[in-house]
């Protein structure tokens, strides 16, 4: 596991910090890490974005691929079109579930906001996701 993280440019010091934050990543197999990297590549993340996202959010490596893919699909359905930039701006978005995004948007729509305006707001300010 550590070898793959080093290969993408994550330092030993950062890997140690990641393991302290998320103990489960010590148990992950190389295949699992590579799958998480591939998910990010599929949404057009470059090597720097991948390194930033993974090193900033160790919990991403511990999430199920299915949950991550559901989240990505939901965001795409809602009209988010630059997920690589969004996740690079706030990697912790990847810790959310698709239904949490749906509920947040529904609450704002119930207050009279348009979906397009909500998505624009969330896209331009990724820290709004911390409210979810």
C-alpha atoms as a PDB file:
ATOM      1  CA  UNK A   1       0.000   0.000   0.000  1.00  0.00           C
ATOM      2  CA  UNK A   2       2.691   2.473   0.995  1.00  0.00           C
ATOM      3  CA  UNK A   3       4.655   1.754  -2.177  1.00  0.00           C
ATOM      4  CA  UNK A   4       1.760   2.885  -4.359  1.00  0.00           C
ATOM      5  CA  UNK A   5       1.258   6.028  -2.307  1.00  0.00           C
ATOM      6  CA  UNK A   6       4.966   6.835  -2.635  1.00  0.00           C
ATOM      7  CA  UNK A   7       4.751   6.176  -6.361  1.00  0.00           C
ATOM      8  CA  UNK A   8       2.128   8.908  -6.774  1.00  0.00           C
ATOM      9  CA  UNK A   9       4.313  11.347  -4.848  1.00  0.00           C
ATOM     10  CA  UNK A  10       3.075  11.120  -1.279  1.00  0.00           C
ATOM     11  CA  UNK A  11       5.888  11.455   1.248  1.00  0.00           C
ATOM     12  CA  UNK A  12       6.570   8.979   4.065  1.00  0.00           C
ATOM     13  CA  UNK A  13       5.692  11.672   6.594  1.00  0.00           C
ATOM     14  CA  UNK A  14       2.317  12.276   4.948  1.00  0.00           C
ATOM     15  CA  UNK A  15       1.662   8.522   4.731  1.00  0.00           C
ATOM     16  CA  UNK A  16       2.268   8.258   8.485  1.00  0.00           C
ATOM     17  CA  UNK A  17      -0.179  11.085   9.116  1.00  0.00           C
ATOM     18  CA  UNK A  18      -2.728   9.435   6.847  1.00  0.00           C
ATOM     19  CA  UNK A  19      -2.390   6.159   8.776  1.00  0.00           C
ATOM     20  CA  UNK A  20      -2.917   8.000  12.070  1.00  0.00           C
ATOM     21  CA  UNK A  21      -6.098   9.593  10.744  1.00  0.00           C
ATOM     22  CA  UNK A  22      -7.466   6.426   9.154  1.00  0.00           C
ATOM     23  CA  UNK A  23      -6.019   3.270  10.689  1.00  0.00           C
ATOM     24  CA  UNK A  24      -7.846   1.033   8.209  1.00  0.00           C
ATOM     25  CA  UNK A  25      -5.712   2.143   5.277  1.00  0.00           C
ATOM     26  CA  UNK A  26      -2.827   0.087   6.668  1.00  0.00           C
ATOM     27  CA  UNK A  27      -4.875  -3.000   5.794  1.00  0.00           C
ATOM     28  CA  UNK A  28      -5.692  -1.986   2.225  1.00  0.00           C
ATOM     29  CA  UNK A  29      -4.251  -3.967  -0.631  1.00  0.00           C
ATOM     30  CA  UNK A  30      -2.485  -2.334  -3.547  1.00  0.00           C
ATOM     31  CA  UNK A  31      -5.399  -3.262  -5.810  1.00  0.00           C
ATOM     32  CA  UNK A  32      -7.822  -1.271  -3.664  1.00  0.00           C
ATOM     33  CA  UNK A  33      -5.660   1.854  -3.791  1.00  0.00           C
ATOM     34  CA  UNK A  34      -5.227   1.507  -7.543  1.00  0.00           C
ATOM     35  CA  UNK A  35      -9.008   1.271  -7.932  1.00  0.00           C
ATOM     36  CA  UNK A  36      -9.453   4.530  -5.999  1.00  0.00           C
ATOM     37  CA  UNK A  37      -6.840   6.194  -8.201  1.00  0.00           C
ATOM     38  CA  UNK A  38      -8.636   4.920 -11.303  1.00  0.00           C
ATOM     39  CA  UNK A  39     -11.933   6.396 -10.092  1.00  0.00           C
ATOM     40  CA  UNK A  40     -10.233   9.788  -9.874  1.00  0.00           C
ATOM     41  CA  UNK A  41      -8.647   9.370 -13.298  1.00  0.00           C
ATOM     42  CA  UNK A  42     -12.082   8.594 -14.743  1.00  0.00           C
ATOM     43  CA  UNK A  43     -13.289  12.058 -13.717  1.00  0.00           C
ATOM     44  CA  UNK A  44     -10.221  13.620 -15.340  1.00  0.00           C
ATOM     45  CA  UNK A  45      -8.109  14.207 -12.234  1.00  0.00           C
ATOM     46  CA  UNK A  46      -4.472  14.735 -13.121  1.00  0.00           C
ATOM     47  CA  UNK A  47      -1.574  13.322 -11.089  1.00  0.00           C
ATOM     48  CA  UNK A  48      -1.287  16.426  -8.902  1.00  0.00           C
ATOM     49  CA  UNK A  49      -5.005  16.445  -8.128  1.00  0.00           C
ATOM     50  CA  UNK A  50      -4.923  12.730  -7.309  1.00  0.00           C
ATOM     51  CA  UNK A  51      -2.001  13.220  -4.947  1.00  0.00           C
ATOM     52  CA  UNK A  52      -3.661  16.229  -3.297  1.00  0.00           C
ATOM     53  CA  UNK A  53      -7.021  14.494  -2.878  1.00  0.00           C
ATOM     54  CA  UNK A  54      -5.601  11.277  -1.440  1.00  0.00           C
ATOM     55  CA  UNK A  55      -3.024  12.902   0.824  1.00  0.00           C
ATOM     56  CA  UNK A  56      -5.594  15.372   2.182  1.00  0.00           C
ATOM     57  CA  UNK A  57      -8.396  12.858   2.679  1.00  0.00           C
ATOM     58  CA  UNK A  58      -7.145   9.465   3.825  1.00  0.00           C
ATOM     59  CA  UNK A  59     -10.737   8.349   4.502  1.00  0.00           C
ATOM     60  CA  UNK A  60     -11.351   8.347   0.746  1.00  0.00           C
ATOM     61  CA  UNK A  61      -9.172   5.243   0.476  1.00  0.00           C
ATOM     62  CA  UNK A  62     -11.339   3.454   3.050  1.00  0.00           C
ATOM     63  CA  UNK A  63     -14.694   4.118   1.343  1.00  0.00           C
ATOM     64  CA  UNK A  64     -16.405   1.567  -0.823  1.00  0.00           C
ATOM     65  CA  UNK A  65     -16.043   2.038  -4.566  1.00  0.00           C
ATOM     66  CA  UNK A  66     -19.794   1.644  -4.923  1.00  0.00           C
ATOM     67  CA  UNK A  67     -20.495   4.549  -2.554  1.00  0.00           C
ATOM     68  CA  UNK A  68     -17.956   6.768  -4.303  1.00  0.00           C
ATOM     69  CA  UNK A  69     -19.364   5.920  -7.721  1.00  0.00           C
ATOM     70  CA  UNK A  70     -22.928   6.640  -6.520  1.00  0.00           C
ATOM     71  CA  UNK A  71     -21.775  10.022  -5.228  1.00  0.00           C
ATOM     72  CA  UNK A  72     -20.038  10.872  -8.498  1.00  0.00           C
ATOM     73  CA  UNK A  73     -23.056   9.767 -10.521  1.00  0.00           C
ATOM     74  CA  UNK A  74     -25.401  11.889  -8.380  1.00  0.00           C
ATOM     75  CA  UNK A  75     -23.172  14.970  -8.730  1.00  0.00           C
ATOM     76  CA  UNK A  76     -22.990  14.496 -12.502  1.00  0.00           C
ATOM     77  CA  UNK A  77     -26.781  14.076 -12.716  1.00  0.00           C
ATOM     78  CA  UNK A  78     -27.220  17.329 -10.817  1.00  0.00           C
ATOM     79  CA  UNK A  79     -25.016  19.177 -13.295  1.00  0.00           C
ATOM     80  CA  UNK A  80     -21.604  19.299 -11.642  1.00  0.00           C
ATOM     81  CA  UNK A  81     -19.263  19.139 -14.614  1.00  0.00           C
ATOM     82  CA  UNK A  82     -15.752  19.697 -13.245  1.00  0.00           C
ATOM     83  CA  UNK A  83     -15.607  17.155 -10.439  1.00  0.00           C
ATOM     84  CA  UNK A  84     -11.819  17.013 -10.617  1.00  0.00           C
ATOM     85  CA  UNK A  85     -11.612  20.693  -9.676  1.00  0.00           C
ATOM     86  CA  UNK A  86     -14.398  20.367  -7.109  1.00  0.00           C
ATOM     87  CA  UNK A  87     -12.720  17.440  -5.318  1.00  0.00           C
ATOM     88  CA  UNK A  88      -9.308  19.088  -5.496  1.00  0.00           C
ATOM     89  CA  UNK A  89     -10.846  22.172  -3.849  1.00  0.00           C
ATOM     90  CA  UNK A  90     -12.477  20.111  -1.101  1.00  0.00           C
ATOM     91  CA  UNK A  91     -11.430  16.432  -1.033  1.00  0.00           C
ATOM     92  CA  UNK A  92     -13.766  15.751   1.902  1.00  0.00           C
ATOM     93  CA  UNK A  93     -16.747  15.890  -0.461  1.00  0.00           C
ATOM     94  CA  UNK A  94     -15.746  12.323  -1.337  1.00  0.00           C
ATOM     95  CA  UNK A  95     -16.730  11.267   2.199  1.00  0.00           C
ATOM     96  CA  UNK A  96     -20.374  12.175   1.571  1.00  0.00           C
ATOM     97  CA  UNK A  97     -23.092   9.840   0.352  1.00  0.00           C
ATOM     98  CA  UNK A  98     -25.261  10.541  -2.660  1.00  0.00           C
ATOM     99  CA  UNK A  99     -28.422  10.846  -0.559  1.00  0.00           C
ATOM    100  CA  UNK A 100     -26.813  13.541   1.614  1.00  0.00           C
ATOM    101  CA  UNK A 101     -26.240  15.699  -1.463  1.00  0.00           C
ATOM    102  CA  UNK A 102     -29.767  15.000  -2.661  1.00  0.00           C
ATOM    103  CA  UNK A 103     -31.273  15.981   0.724  1.00  0.00           C
ATOM    104  CA  UNK A 104     -29.223  19.174   0.932  1.00  0.00           C
ATOM    105  CA  UNK A 105     -30.286  20.273  -2.546  1.00  0.00           C
ATOM    106  CA  UNK A 106     -33.922  19.355  -1.889  1.00  0.00           C
ATOM    107  CA  UNK A 107     -33.892  21.502   1.268  1.00  0.00           C
ATOM    108  CA  UNK A 108     -32.581  24.467  -0.694  1.00  0.00           C
ATOM    109  CA  UNK A 109     -35.081  23.883  -3.497  1.00  0.00           C
ATOM    110  CA  UNK A 110     -37.865  23.767  -0.889  1.00  0.00           C
ATOM    111  CA  UNK A 111     -36.783  27.294   0.097  1.00  0.00           C
ATOM    112  CA  UNK A 112     -37.385  28.428  -3.471  1.00  0.00           C
ATOM    113  CA  UNK A 113     -33.887  28.173  -4.958  1.00  0.00           C
ATOM    114  CA  UNK A 114     -33.373  26.838  -8.463  1.00  0.00           C
ATOM    115  CA  UNK A 115     -31.267  23.705  -8.970  1.00  0.00           C
ATOM    116  CA  UNK A 116     -28.983  25.493 -11.418  1.00  0.00           C
ATOM    117  CA  UNK A 117     -28.293  28.270  -8.890  1.00  0.00           C
ATOM    118  CA  UNK A 118     -27.613  25.763  -6.102  1.00  0.00           C
ATOM    119  CA  UNK A 119     -25.169  23.802  -8.269  1.00  0.00           C
ATOM    120  CA  UNK A 120     -23.424  27.021  -9.367  1.00  0.00           C
ATOM    121  CA  UNK A 121     -23.138  28.101  -5.737  1.00  0.00           C
ATOM    122  CA  UNK A 122     -21.755  24.757  -4.616  1.00  0.00           C
ATOM    123  CA  UNK A 123     -19.369  24.545  -7.584  1.00  0.00           C
ATOM    124  CA  UNK A 124     -17.895  27.969  -6.970  1.00  0.00           C
ATOM    125  CA  UNK A 125     -17.615  27.445  -3.219  1.00  0.00           C
ATOM    126  CA  UNK A 126     -16.781  23.780  -2.453  1.00  0.00           C
ATOM    127  CA  UNK A 127     -16.714  24.510   1.279  1.00  0.00           C
ATOM    128  CA  UNK A 128     -20.514  24.699   1.206  1.00  0.00           C
ATOM    129  CA  UNK A 129     -20.353  20.904   1.252  1.00  0.00           C
ATOM    130  CA  UNK A 130     -19.222  21.121   4.874  1.00  0.00           C
ATOM    131  CA  UNK A 131     -22.774  22.213   5.730  1.00  0.00           C
ATOM    132  CA  UNK A 132     -24.049  18.840   4.574  1.00  0.00           C
END
